[in-house]
């Protein structure tokens, strides 16, 4: 006669507990790393250093430096392009580091399918 009242699935409860512990550990790691990333700054330049943009880990522009030589009233479009390029590069740096960090953390998660 079959035993009543237990969990029908072999060692599944233990695996589920391990999975939950892994998920909680991963969540803590992600929160810690996210905080670290938010405190970092990413700097990028364009126009041979004529424009420098600093972006926080929260991907917000925090500083913009424009060399006086880059200011040409006859060519405002070039200055605008240099600003956009520098800001976009700094944001890309922040995004790439964030993505790489999260991939590294989540790669340790062992999910059985």
PDB file of N, CA and C in Angstrom:
ATOM      1  N   UNK A   1       0.850  -1.171   0.000  1.00  0.00           N
ATOM      2  CA  UNK A   1       0.000   0.000   0.000  1.00  0.00           C
ATOM      3  C   UNK A   1       0.898   1.236   0.000  1.00  0.00           C
ATOM      4  N   UNK A   2       0.477   2.211  -0.769  1.00  0.00           N
ATOM      5  CA  UNK A   2       1.263   3.445  -0.887  1.00  0.00           C
ATOM      6  C   UNK A   2       1.150   4.272   0.375  1.00  0.00           C
ATOM      7  N   UNK A   3       2.232   4.886   0.709  1.00  0.00           N
ATOM      8  CA  UNK A   3       2.276   5.741   1.888  1.00  0.00           C
ATOM      9  C   UNK A   3       1.532   7.038   1.597  1.00  0.00           C
ATOM     10  N   UNK A   4       0.675   7.475   2.506  1.00  0.00           N
ATOM     11  CA  UNK A   4      -0.104   8.691   2.307  1.00  0.00           C
ATOM     12  C   UNK A   4       0.550   9.847   3.016  1.00  0.00           C
ATOM     13  N   UNK A   5       0.235  11.034   2.582  1.00  0.00           N
ATOM     14  CA  UNK A   5       0.639  12.239   3.279  1.00  0.00           C
ATOM     15  C   UNK A   5       2.027  12.715   2.945  1.00  0.00           C
ATOM     16  N   UNK A   6       2.861  12.356   2.301  1.00  0.00           N
ATOM     17  CA  UNK A   6       4.156  12.931   2.004  1.00  0.00           C
ATOM     18  C   UNK A   6       4.130  13.704   0.718  1.00  0.00           C
ATOM     19  N   UNK A   7       5.248  14.203   0.352  1.00  0.00           N
ATOM     20  CA  UNK A   7       5.355  14.967  -0.884  1.00  0.00           C
ATOM     21  C   UNK A   7       5.649  13.993  -1.999  1.00  0.00           C
ATOM     22  N   UNK A   8       4.855  13.998  -3.046  1.00  0.00           N
ATOM     23  CA  UNK A   8       5.004  13.073  -4.169  1.00  0.00           C
ATOM     24  C   UNK A   8       5.969  13.697  -5.188  1.00  0.00           C
ATOM     25  N   UNK A   9       7.189  13.406  -5.107  1.00  0.00           N
ATOM     26  CA  UNK A   9       8.094  13.982  -6.092  1.00  0.00           C
ATOM     27  C   UNK A   9       9.536  13.735  -5.729  1.00  0.00           C
ATOM     28  N   UNK A  10       9.790  12.771  -4.908  1.00  0.00           N
ATOM     29  CA  UNK A  10      11.168  12.444  -4.573  1.00  0.00           C
ATOM     30  C   UNK A  10      11.826  13.538  -3.770  1.00  0.00           C
ATOM     31  N   UNK A  11      12.987  14.008  -4.236  1.00  0.00           N
ATOM     32  CA  UNK A  11      13.758  15.001  -3.503  1.00  0.00           C
ATOM     33  C   UNK A  11      13.410  16.433  -3.882  1.00  0.00           C
ATOM     34  N   UNK A  12      12.292  16.656  -4.458  1.00  0.00           N
ATOM     35  CA  UNK A  12      11.936  17.987  -4.937  1.00  0.00           C
ATOM     36  C   UNK A  12      11.904  19.058  -3.856  1.00  0.00           C
ATOM     37  N   UNK A  13      11.377  18.802  -2.654  1.00  0.00           N
ATOM     38  CA  UNK A  13      11.350  19.889  -1.673  1.00  0.00           C
ATOM     39  C   UNK A  13      12.744  20.429  -1.360  1.00  0.00           C
ATOM     40  N   UNK A  14      13.724  19.567  -1.262  1.00  0.00           N
ATOM     41  CA  UNK A  14      15.094  20.011  -1.008  1.00  0.00           C
ATOM     42  C   UNK A  14      15.621  20.859  -2.157  1.00  0.00           C
ATOM     43  N   UNK A  15      15.323  20.428  -3.377  1.00  0.00           N
ATOM     44  CA  UNK A  15      15.753  21.197  -4.544  1.00  0.00           C
ATOM     45  C   UNK A  15      15.091  22.565  -4.562  1.00  0.00           C
ATOM     46  N   UNK A  16      13.830  22.621  -4.174  1.00  0.00           N
ATOM     47  CA  UNK A  16      13.116  23.895  -4.157  1.00  0.00           C
ATOM     48  C   UNK A  16      13.725  24.826  -3.108  1.00  0.00           C
ATOM     49  N   UNK A  17      14.080  24.278  -1.951  1.00  0.00           N
ATOM     50  CA  UNK A  17      14.731  25.095  -0.918  1.00  0.00           C
ATOM     51  C   UNK A  17      16.062  25.639  -1.407  1.00  0.00           C
ATOM     52  N   UNK A  18      16.836  24.785  -2.073  1.00  0.00           N
ATOM     53  CA  UNK A  18      18.119  25.238  -2.609  1.00  0.00           C
ATOM     54  C   UNK A  18      17.915  26.328  -3.658  1.00  0.00           C
ATOM     55  N   UNK A  19      16.902  26.143  -4.487  1.00  0.00           N
ATOM     56  CA  UNK A  19      16.609  27.134  -5.511  1.00  0.00           C
ATOM     57  C   UNK A  19      16.213  28.465  -4.881  1.00  0.00           C
ATOM     58  N   UNK A  20      15.421  28.430  -3.844  1.00  0.00           N
ATOM     59  CA  UNK A  20      15.003  29.654  -3.153  1.00  0.00           C
ATOM     60  C   UNK A  20      16.213  30.340  -2.503  1.00  0.00           C
ATOM     61  N   UNK A  21      17.098  29.553  -1.896  1.00  0.00           N
ATOM     62  CA  UNK A  21      18.295  30.127  -1.284  1.00  0.00           C
ATOM     63  C   UNK A  21      19.180  30.781  -2.341  1.00  0.00           C
ATOM     64  N   UNK A  22      19.315  30.123  -3.491  1.00  0.00           N
ATOM     65  CA  UNK A  22      20.114  30.687  -4.579  1.00  0.00           C
ATOM     66  C   UNK A  22      19.499  32.002  -5.058  1.00  0.00           C
ATOM     67  N   UNK A  23      18.182  32.016  -5.200  1.00  0.00           N
ATOM     68  CA  UNK A  23      17.503  33.226  -5.674  1.00  0.00           C
ATOM     69  C   UNK A  23      17.672  34.368  -4.674  1.00  0.00           C
ATOM     70  N   UNK A  24      17.567  34.075  -3.388  1.00  0.00           N
ATOM     71  CA  UNK A  24      17.737  35.106  -2.367  1.00  0.00           C
ATOM     72  C   UNK A  24      19.170  35.628  -2.352  1.00  0.00           C
ATOM     73  N   UNK A  25      20.137  34.737  -2.479  1.00  0.00           N
ATOM     74  CA  UNK A  25      21.544  35.134  -2.519  1.00  0.00           C
ATOM     75  C   UNK A  25      21.806  36.002  -3.743  1.00  0.00           C
ATOM     76  N   UNK A  26      21.247  35.597  -4.880  1.00  0.00           N
ATOM     77  CA  UNK A  26      21.421  36.357  -6.101  1.00  0.00           C
ATOM     78  C   UNK A  26      20.782  37.748  -5.966  1.00  0.00           C
ATOM     79  N   UNK A  27      19.623  37.822  -5.333  1.00  0.00           N
ATOM     80  CA  UNK A  27      18.963  39.112  -5.147  1.00  0.00           C
ATOM     81  C   UNK A  27      19.810  40.042  -4.274  1.00  0.00           C
ATOM     82  N   UNK A  28      20.391  39.503  -3.198  1.00  0.00           N
ATOM     83  CA  UNK A  28      21.267  40.313  -2.339  1.00  0.00           C
ATOM     84  C   UNK A  28      22.483  40.815  -3.116  1.00  0.00           C
ATOM     85  N   UNK A  29      23.082  39.916  -3.892  1.00  0.00           N
ATOM     86  CA  UNK A  29      24.251  40.295  -4.689  1.00  0.00           C
ATOM     87  C   UNK A  29      23.886  41.388  -5.693  1.00  0.00           C
ATOM     88  N   UNK A  30      22.737  41.236  -6.337  1.00  0.00           N
ATOM     89  CA  UNK A  30      22.309  42.227  -7.318  1.00  0.00           C
ATOM     90  C   UNK A  30      22.084  43.582  -6.662  1.00  0.00           C
ATOM     91  N   UNK A  31      21.473  43.591  -5.485  1.00  0.00           N
ATOM     92  CA  UNK A  31      21.241  44.853  -4.778  1.00  0.00           C
ATOM     93  C   UNK A  31      22.557  45.521  -4.395  1.00  0.00           C
ATOM     94  N   UNK A  32      23.522  44.719  -3.915  1.00  0.00           N
ATOM     95  CA  UNK A  32      24.829  45.267  -3.547  1.00  0.00           C
ATOM     96  C   UNK A  32      25.553  45.833  -4.763  1.00  0.00           C
ATOM     97  N   UNK A  33      25.552  45.076  -5.852  1.00  0.00           N
ATOM     98  CA  UNK A  33      26.244  45.507  -7.065  1.00  0.00           C
ATOM     99  C   UNK A  33      25.552  46.726  -7.679  1.00  0.00           C
ATOM    100  N   UNK A  34      24.225  46.753  -7.628  1.00  0.00           N
ATOM    101  CA  UNK A  34      23.504  47.901  -8.162  1.00  0.00           C
ATOM    102  C   UNK A  34      23.874  49.171  -7.403  1.00  0.00           C
ATOM    103  N   UNK A  35      23.995  49.045  -6.080  1.00  0.00           N
ATOM    104  CA  UNK A  35      24.383  50.203  -5.268  1.00  0.00           C
ATOM    105  C   UNK A  35      25.789  50.660  -5.655  1.00  0.00           C
ATOM    106  N   UNK A  36      26.706  49.703  -5.840  1.00  0.00           N
ATOM    107  CA  UNK A  36      28.068  50.044  -6.255  1.00  0.00           C
ATOM    108  C   UNK A  36      28.061  50.758  -7.605  1.00  0.00           C
ATOM    109  N   UNK A  37      27.277  50.239  -8.541  1.00  0.00           N
ATOM    110  CA  UNK A  37      27.210  50.843  -9.867  1.00  0.00           C
ATOM    111  C   UNK A  37      26.665  52.267  -9.812  1.00  0.00           C
ATOM    112  N   UNK A  38      25.667  52.487  -8.975  1.00  0.00           N
ATOM    113  CA  UNK A  38      25.054  53.807  -8.875  1.00  0.00           C
ATOM    114  C   UNK A  38      26.029  54.849  -8.343  1.00  0.00           C
ATOM    115  N   UNK A  39      27.029  54.412  -7.604  1.00  0.00           N
ATOM    116  CA  UNK A  39      28.011  55.334  -7.035  1.00  0.00           C
ATOM    117  C   UNK A  39      29.171  55.630  -7.992  1.00  0.00           C
ATOM    118  N   UNK A  40      29.266  54.898  -9.081  1.00  0.00           N
ATOM    119  CA  UNK A  40      30.360  55.086 -10.028  1.00  0.00           C
ATOM    120  C   UNK A  40      30.067  56.240 -10.984  1.00  0.00           C
ATOM    121  N   UNK A  41      31.126  56.694 -11.633  1.00  0.00           N
ATOM    122  CA  UNK A  41      31.009  57.709 -12.673  1.00  0.00           C
ATOM    123  C   UNK A  41      31.679  57.185 -13.946  1.00  0.00           C
ATOM    124  N   UNK A  42      31.112  57.548 -15.074  1.00  0.00           N
ATOM    125  CA  UNK A  42      31.631  57.142 -16.369  1.00  0.00           C
ATOM    126  C   UNK A  42      31.908  58.408 -17.171  1.00  0.00           C
ATOM    127  N   UNK A  43      33.104  58.507 -17.706  1.00  0.00           N
ATOM    128  CA  UNK A  43      33.515  59.709 -18.425  1.00  0.00           C
ATOM    129  C   UNK A  43      33.847  59.321 -19.860  1.00  0.00           C
ATOM    130  N   UNK A  44      33.343  60.123 -20.786  1.00  0.00           N
ATOM    131  CA  UNK A  44      33.655  59.911 -22.196  1.00  0.00           C
ATOM    132  C   UNK A  44      33.906  61.260 -22.852  1.00  0.00           C
ATOM    133  N   UNK A  45      34.740  61.241 -23.881  1.00  0.00           N
ATOM    134  CA  UNK A  45      35.043  62.476 -24.598  1.00  0.00           C
ATOM    135  C   UNK A  45      34.713  62.310 -26.070  1.00  0.00           C
ATOM    136  N   UNK A  46      34.596  63.436 -26.745  1.00  0.00           N
ATOM    137  CA  UNK A  46      34.451  63.426 -28.199  1.00  0.00           C
ATOM    138  C   UNK A  46      35.148  64.665 -28.737  1.00  0.00           C
ATOM    139  N   UNK A  47      35.298  64.712 -30.049  1.00  0.00           N
ATOM    140  CA  UNK A  47      35.969  65.847 -30.665  1.00  0.00           C
ATOM    141  C   UNK A  47      37.409  65.984 -30.215  1.00  0.00           C
ATOM    142  N   UNK A  48      38.076  64.859 -30.008  1.00  0.00           N
ATOM    143  CA  UNK A  48      39.475  64.904 -29.574  1.00  0.00           C
ATOM    144  C   UNK A  48      39.640  65.488 -28.183  1.00  0.00           C
ATOM    145  N   UNK A  49      38.624  65.339 -27.345  1.00  0.00           N
ATOM    146  CA  UNK A  49      38.687  65.840 -25.977  1.00  0.00           C
ATOM    147  C   UNK A  49      38.045  67.212 -25.810  1.00  0.00           C
ATOM    148  N   UNK A  50      37.484  67.746 -26.886  1.00  0.00           N
ATOM    149  CA  UNK A  50      36.860  69.074 -26.816  1.00  0.00           C
ATOM    150  C   UNK A  50      35.603  69.059 -25.951  1.00  0.00           C
ATOM    151  N   UNK A  51      34.927  67.907 -25.905  1.00  0.00           N
ATOM    152  CA  UNK A  51      33.725  67.760 -25.087  1.00  0.00           C
ATOM    153  C   UNK A  51      33.924  66.542 -24.196  1.00  0.00           C
ATOM    154  N   UNK A  52      33.648  66.729 -22.917  1.00  0.00           N
ATOM    155  CA  UNK A  52      33.752  65.630 -21.954  1.00  0.00           C
ATOM    156  C   UNK A  52      32.440  65.543 -21.179  1.00  0.00           C
ATOM    157  N   UNK A  53      31.869  64.338 -21.149  1.00  0.00           N
ATOM    158  CA  UNK A  53      30.612  64.113 -20.438  1.00  0.00           C
ATOM    159  C   UNK A  53      30.845  63.107 -19.321  1.00  0.00           C
ATOM    160  N   UNK A  54      30.282  63.391 -18.158  1.00  0.00           N
ATOM    161  CA  UNK A  54      30.349  62.486 -17.014  1.00  0.00           C
ATOM    162  C   UNK A  54      28.923  62.058 -16.685  1.00  0.00           C
ATOM    163  N   UNK A  55      28.742  60.737 -16.594  1.00  0.00           N
ATOM    164  CA  UNK A  55      27.434  60.159 -16.326  1.00  0.00           C
ATOM    165  C   UNK A  55      27.543  59.322 -15.062  1.00  0.00           C
ATOM    166  N   UNK A  56      26.531  59.417 -14.209  1.00  0.00           N
ATOM    167  CA  UNK A  56      26.520  58.615 -12.982  1.00  0.00           C
ATOM    168  C   UNK A  56      26.100  57.184 -13.303  1.00  0.00           C
ATOM    169  N   UNK A  57      26.291  56.304 -12.342  1.00  0.00           N
ATOM    170  CA  UNK A  57      25.855  54.925 -12.482  1.00  0.00           C
ATOM    171  C   UNK A  57      24.347  54.812 -12.635  1.00  0.00           C
ATOM    172  N   UNK A  58      23.645  55.857 -12.286  1.00  0.00           N
ATOM    173  CA  UNK A  58      22.183  55.900 -12.483  1.00  0.00           C
ATOM    174  C   UNK A  58      21.853  56.366 -13.896  1.00  0.00           C
ATOM    175  N   UNK A  59      22.893  56.545 -14.693  1.00  0.00           N
ATOM    176  CA  UNK A  59      22.793  56.954 -16.093  1.00  0.00           C
ATOM    177  C   UNK A  59      22.225  58.354 -16.245  1.00  0.00           C
ATOM    178  N   UNK A  60      22.641  59.250 -15.337  1.00  0.00           N
ATOM    179  CA  UNK A  60      22.261  60.653 -15.399  1.00  0.00           C
ATOM    180  C   UNK A  60      23.497  61.487 -15.692  1.00  0.00           C
ATOM    181  N   UNK A  61      23.355  62.455 -16.576  1.00  0.00           N
ATOM    182  CA  UNK A  61      24.450  63.354 -16.887  1.00  0.00           C
ATOM    183  C   UNK A  61      24.721  64.220 -15.661  1.00  0.00           C
ATOM    184  N   UNK A  62      25.953  64.160 -15.135  1.00  0.00           N
ATOM    185  CA  UNK A  62      26.282  64.925 -13.929  1.00  0.00           C
ATOM    186  C   UNK A  62      27.247  66.066 -14.199  1.00  0.00           C
ATOM    187  N   UNK A  63      27.976  65.973 -15.331  1.00  0.00           N
ATOM    188  CA  UNK A  63      28.949  67.026 -15.637  1.00  0.00           C
ATOM    189  C   UNK A  63      29.166  67.060 -17.145  1.00  0.00           C
ATOM    190  N   UNK A  64      29.293  68.255 -17.647  1.00  0.00           N
ATOM    191  CA  UNK A  64      29.582  68.436 -19.060  1.00  0.00           C
ATOM    192  C   UNK A  64      30.618  69.543 -19.188  1.00  0.00           C
ATOM    193  N   UNK A  65      31.760  69.219 -19.803  1.00  0.00           N
ATOM    194  CA  UNK A  65      32.824  70.196 -19.988  1.00  0.00           C
ATOM    195  C   UNK A  65      33.017  70.417 -21.477  1.00  0.00           C
ATOM    196  N   UNK A  66      33.019  71.695 -21.863  1.00  0.00           N
ATOM    197  CA  UNK A  66      33.201  72.043 -23.270  1.00  0.00           C
ATOM    198  C   UNK A  66      34.402  72.974 -23.371  1.00  0.00           C
ATOM    199  N   UNK A  67      35.364  72.565 -24.157  1.00  0.00           N
ATOM    200  CA  UNK A  67      36.560  73.377 -24.376  1.00  0.00           C
ATOM    201  C   UNK A  67      36.172  74.636 -25.156  1.00  0.00           C
ATOM    202  N   UNK A  68      36.728  75.763 -24.784  1.00  0.00           N
ATOM    203  CA  UNK A  68      36.410  77.005 -25.510  1.00  0.00           C
ATOM    204  C   UNK A  68      36.691  76.890 -27.018  1.00  0.00           C
ATOM    205  N   UNK A  69      37.686  76.096 -27.383  1.00  0.00           N
ATOM    206  CA  UNK A  69      38.008  75.923 -28.809  1.00  0.00           C
ATOM    207  C   UNK A  69      36.883  75.226 -29.571  1.00  0.00           C
ATOM    208  N   UNK A  70      36.024  74.499 -28.850  1.00  0.00           N
ATOM    209  CA  UNK A  70      34.933  73.767 -29.500  1.00  0.00           C
ATOM    210  C   UNK A  70      33.746  74.669 -29.818  1.00  0.00           C
ATOM    211  N   UNK A  71      33.753  75.867 -29.278  1.00  0.00           N
ATOM    212  CA  UNK A  71      32.627  76.777 -29.468  1.00  0.00           C
ATOM    213  C   UNK A  71      32.894  77.651 -30.691  1.00  0.00           C
ATOM    214  N   UNK A  72      32.215  77.289 -31.758  1.00  0.00           N
ATOM    215  CA  UNK A  72      32.318  78.049 -33.003  1.00  0.00           C
ATOM    216  C   UNK A  72      30.906  78.487 -33.377  1.00  0.00           C
ATOM    217  N   UNK A  73      30.601  79.770 -33.262  1.00  0.00           N
ATOM    218  CA  UNK A  73      29.245  80.236 -33.575  1.00  0.00           C
ATOM    219  C   UNK A  73      28.822  79.916 -35.007  1.00  0.00           C
ATOM    220  N   UNK A  74      29.785  79.677 -35.874  1.00  0.00           N
ATOM    221  CA  UNK A  74      29.480  79.339 -37.264  1.00  0.00           C
ATOM    222  C   UNK A  74      29.100  77.870 -37.427  1.00  0.00           C
ATOM    223  N   UNK A  75      29.435  77.040 -36.428  1.00  0.00           N
ATOM    224  CA  UNK A  75      29.190  75.597 -36.554  1.00  0.00           C
ATOM    225  C   UNK A  75      28.642  75.015 -35.250  1.00  0.00           C
ATOM    226  N   UNK A  76      27.485  75.465 -34.850  1.00  0.00           N
ATOM    227  CA  UNK A  76      26.843  74.990 -33.624  1.00  0.00           C
ATOM    228  C   UNK A  76      26.469  73.516 -33.748  1.00  0.00           C
ATOM    229  N   UNK A  77      26.120  73.081 -34.951  1.00  0.00           N
ATOM    230  CA  UNK A  77      25.721  71.681 -35.155  1.00  0.00           C
ATOM    231  C   UNK A  77      26.842  70.719 -34.788  1.00  0.00           C
ATOM    232  N   UNK A  78      28.075  71.064 -35.104  1.00  0.00           N
ATOM    233  CA  UNK A  78      29.193  70.179 -34.757  1.00  0.00           C
ATOM    234  C   UNK A  78      29.324  70.062 -33.238  1.00  0.00           C
ATOM    235  N   UNK A  79      29.184  71.152 -32.527  1.00  0.00           N
ATOM    236  CA  UNK A  79      29.244  71.119 -31.066  1.00  0.00           C
ATOM    237  C   UNK A  79      28.119  70.249 -30.513  1.00  0.00           C
ATOM    238  N   UNK A  80      26.942  70.400 -31.047  1.00  0.00           N
ATOM    239  CA  UNK A  80      25.809  69.577 -30.610  1.00  0.00           C
ATOM    240  C   UNK A  80      26.099  68.097 -30.839  1.00  0.00           C
ATOM    241  N   UNK A  81      26.652  67.774 -32.001  1.00  0.00           N
ATOM    242  CA  UNK A  81      26.989  66.382 -32.313  1.00  0.00           C
ATOM    243  C   UNK A  81      28.038  65.837 -31.357  1.00  0.00           C
ATOM    244  N   UNK A  82      29.034  66.656 -31.018  1.00  0.00           N
ATOM    245  CA  UNK A  82      30.075  66.212 -30.081  1.00  0.00           C
ATOM    246  C   UNK A  82      29.492  65.971 -28.693  1.00  0.00           C
ATOM    247  N   UNK A  83      28.569  66.819 -28.272  1.00  0.00           N
ATOM    248  CA  UNK A  83      27.933  66.636 -26.959  1.00  0.00           C
ATOM    249  C   UNK A  83      27.134  65.347 -26.950  1.00  0.00           C
ATOM    250  N   UNK A  84      26.338  65.141 -27.974  1.00  0.00           N
ATOM    251  CA  UNK A  84      25.529  63.918 -28.055  1.00  0.00           C
ATOM    252  C   UNK A  84      26.425  62.684 -28.051  1.00  0.00           C
ATOM    253  N   UNK A  85      27.516  62.720 -28.824  1.00  0.00           N
ATOM    254  CA  UNK A  85      28.427  61.570 -28.896  1.00  0.00           C
ATOM    255  C   UNK A  85      29.052  61.269 -27.540  1.00  0.00           C
ATOM    256  N   UNK A  86      29.508  62.300 -26.846  1.00  0.00           N
ATOM    257  CA  UNK A  86      30.157  62.089 -25.545  1.00  0.00           C
ATOM    258  C   UNK A  86      29.156  61.556 -24.515  1.00  0.00           C
ATOM    259  N   UNK A  87      27.975  62.141 -24.478  1.00  0.00           N
ATOM    260  CA  UNK A  87      26.966  61.687 -23.514  1.00  0.00           C
ATOM    261  C   UNK A  87      26.556  60.252 -23.814  1.00  0.00           C
ATOM    262  N   UNK A  88      26.286  59.950 -25.070  1.00  0.00           N
ATOM    263  CA  UNK A  88      25.881  58.589 -25.430  1.00  0.00           C
ATOM    264  C   UNK A  88      26.959  57.565 -25.102  1.00  0.00           C
ATOM    265  N   UNK A  89      28.214  57.904 -25.325  1.00  0.00           N
ATOM    266  CA  UNK A  89      29.313  56.978 -25.014  1.00  0.00           C
ATOM    267  C   UNK A  89      29.408  56.726 -23.514  1.00  0.00           C
ATOM    268  N   UNK A  90      29.273  57.771 -22.717  1.00  0.00           N
ATOM    269  CA  UNK A  90      29.330  57.600 -21.261  1.00  0.00           C
ATOM    270  C   UNK A  90      28.159  56.749 -20.771  1.00  0.00           C
ATOM    271  N   UNK A  91      26.967  56.970 -21.309  1.00  0.00           N
ATOM    272  CA  UNK A  91      25.801  56.161 -20.935  1.00  0.00           C
ATOM    273  C   UNK A  91      26.015  54.713 -21.359  1.00  0.00           C
ATOM    274  N   UNK A  92      26.574  54.501 -22.552  1.00  0.00           N
ATOM    275  CA  UNK A  92      26.854  53.135 -23.017  1.00  0.00           C
ATOM    276  C   UNK A  92      27.835  52.424 -22.094  1.00  0.00           C
ATOM    277  N   UNK A  93      28.865  53.142 -21.625  1.00  0.00           N
ATOM    278  CA  UNK A  93      29.821  52.542 -20.688  1.00  0.00           C
ATOM    279  C   UNK A  93      29.110  52.080 -19.420  1.00  0.00           C
ATOM    280  N   UNK A  94      28.247  52.922 -18.884  1.00  0.00           N
ATOM    281  CA  UNK A  94      27.505  52.575 -17.666  1.00  0.00           C
ATOM    282  C   UNK A  94      26.604  51.372 -17.918  1.00  0.00           C
ATOM    283  N   UNK A  95      25.930  51.366 -19.036  1.00  0.00           N
ATOM    284  CA  UNK A  95      25.010  50.280 -19.382  1.00  0.00           C
ATOM    285  C   UNK A  95      25.751  48.960 -19.572  1.00  0.00           C
ATOM    286  N   UNK A  96      26.873  48.998 -20.277  1.00  0.00           N
ATOM    287  CA  UNK A  96      27.650  47.781 -20.523  1.00  0.00           C
ATOM    288  C   UNK A  96      28.175  47.178 -19.222  1.00  0.00           C
ATOM    289  N   UNK A  97      28.669  48.020 -18.331  1.00  0.00           N
ATOM    290  CA  UNK A  97      29.176  47.498 -17.060  1.00  0.00           C
ATOM    291  C   UNK A  97      28.048  46.907 -16.228  1.00  0.00           C
ATOM    292  N   UNK A  98      26.922  47.579 -16.220  1.00  0.00           N
ATOM    293  CA  UNK A  98      25.764  47.084 -15.473  1.00  0.00           C
ATOM    294  C   UNK A  98      25.298  45.738 -16.028  1.00  0.00           C
ATOM    295  N   UNK A  99      25.183  45.645 -17.351  1.00  0.00           N
ATOM    296  CA  UNK A  99      24.752  44.391 -17.981  1.00  0.00           C
ATOM    297  C   UNK A  99      25.729  43.251 -17.697  1.00  0.00           C
ATOM    298  N   UNK A 100      27.020  43.528 -17.811  1.00  0.00           N
ATOM    299  CA  UNK A 100      28.036  42.497 -17.578  1.00  0.00           C
ATOM    300  C   UNK A 100      27.990  42.009 -16.134  1.00  0.00           C
ATOM    301  N   UNK A 101      27.798  42.924 -15.210  1.00  0.00           N
ATOM    302  CA  UNK A 101      27.744  42.565 -13.799  1.00  0.00           C
ATOM    303  C   UNK A 101      26.529  41.685 -13.523  1.00  0.00           C
ATOM    304  N   UNK A 102      25.395  42.047 -14.041  1.00  0.00           N
ATOM    305  CA  UNK A 102      24.171  41.276 -13.804  1.00  0.00           C
ATOM    306  C   UNK A 102      24.245  39.906 -14.471  1.00  0.00           C
ATOM    307  N   UNK A 103      24.854  39.835 -15.670  1.00  0.00           N
ATOM    308  CA  UNK A 103      25.029  38.523 -16.319  1.00  0.00           C
ATOM    309  C   UNK A 103      25.905  37.635 -15.467  1.00  0.00           C
ATOM    310  N   UNK A 104      26.959  38.209 -14.882  1.00  0.00           N
ATOM    311  CA  UNK A 104      27.859  37.437 -14.030  1.00  0.00           C
ATOM    312  C   UNK A 104      27.161  36.878 -12.813  1.00  0.00           C
ATOM    313  N   UNK A 105      26.290  37.673 -12.225  1.00  0.00           N
ATOM    314  CA  UNK A 105      25.555  37.217 -11.040  1.00  0.00           C
ATOM    315  C   UNK A 105      24.549  36.140 -11.413  1.00  0.00           C
ATOM    316  N   UNK A 106      23.796  36.375 -12.467  1.00  0.00           N
ATOM    317  CA  UNK A 106      22.722  35.447 -12.815  1.00  0.00           C
ATOM    318  C   UNK A 106      23.256  34.149 -13.427  1.00  0.00           C
ATOM    319  N   UNK A 107      24.495  34.150 -13.909  1.00  0.00           N
ATOM    320  CA  UNK A 107      25.035  32.923 -14.495  1.00  0.00           C
ATOM    321  C   UNK A 107      25.228  31.842 -13.444  1.00  0.00           C
ATOM    322  N   UNK A 108      25.317  32.215 -12.187  1.00  0.00           N
ATOM    323  CA  UNK A 108      25.484  31.236 -11.110  1.00  0.00           C
ATOM    324  C   UNK A 108      24.183  30.591 -10.679  1.00  0.00           C
ATOM    325  N   UNK A 109      23.069  31.071 -11.183  1.00  0.00           N
ATOM    326  CA  UNK A 109      21.780  30.512 -10.814  1.00  0.00           C
ATOM    327  C   UNK A 109      21.573  29.211 -11.566  1.00  0.00           C
ATOM    328  N   UNK A 110      21.362  28.146 -10.837  1.00  0.00           N
ATOM    329  CA  UNK A 110      21.239  26.822 -11.401  1.00  0.00           C
ATOM    330  C   UNK A 110      19.773  26.418 -11.388  1.00  0.00           C
ATOM    331  N   UNK A 111      19.043  26.752 -12.444  1.00  0.00           N
ATOM    332  CA  UNK A 111      17.614  26.462 -12.493  1.00  0.00           C
ATOM    333  C   UNK A 111      17.383  25.169 -13.259  1.00  0.00           C
ATOM    334  N   UNK A 112      16.800  24.164 -12.594  1.00  0.00           N
ATOM    335  CA  UNK A 112      16.500  22.905 -13.289  1.00  0.00           C
ATOM    336  C   UNK A 112      15.236  23.046 -14.125  1.00  0.00           C
ATOM    337  N   UNK A 113      15.279  22.555 -15.381  1.00  0.00           N
ATOM    338  CA  UNK A 113      14.093  22.613 -16.241  1.00  0.00           C
ATOM    339  C   UNK A 113      13.663  21.215 -16.589  1.00  0.00           C
TER     340      UNK A 113
END
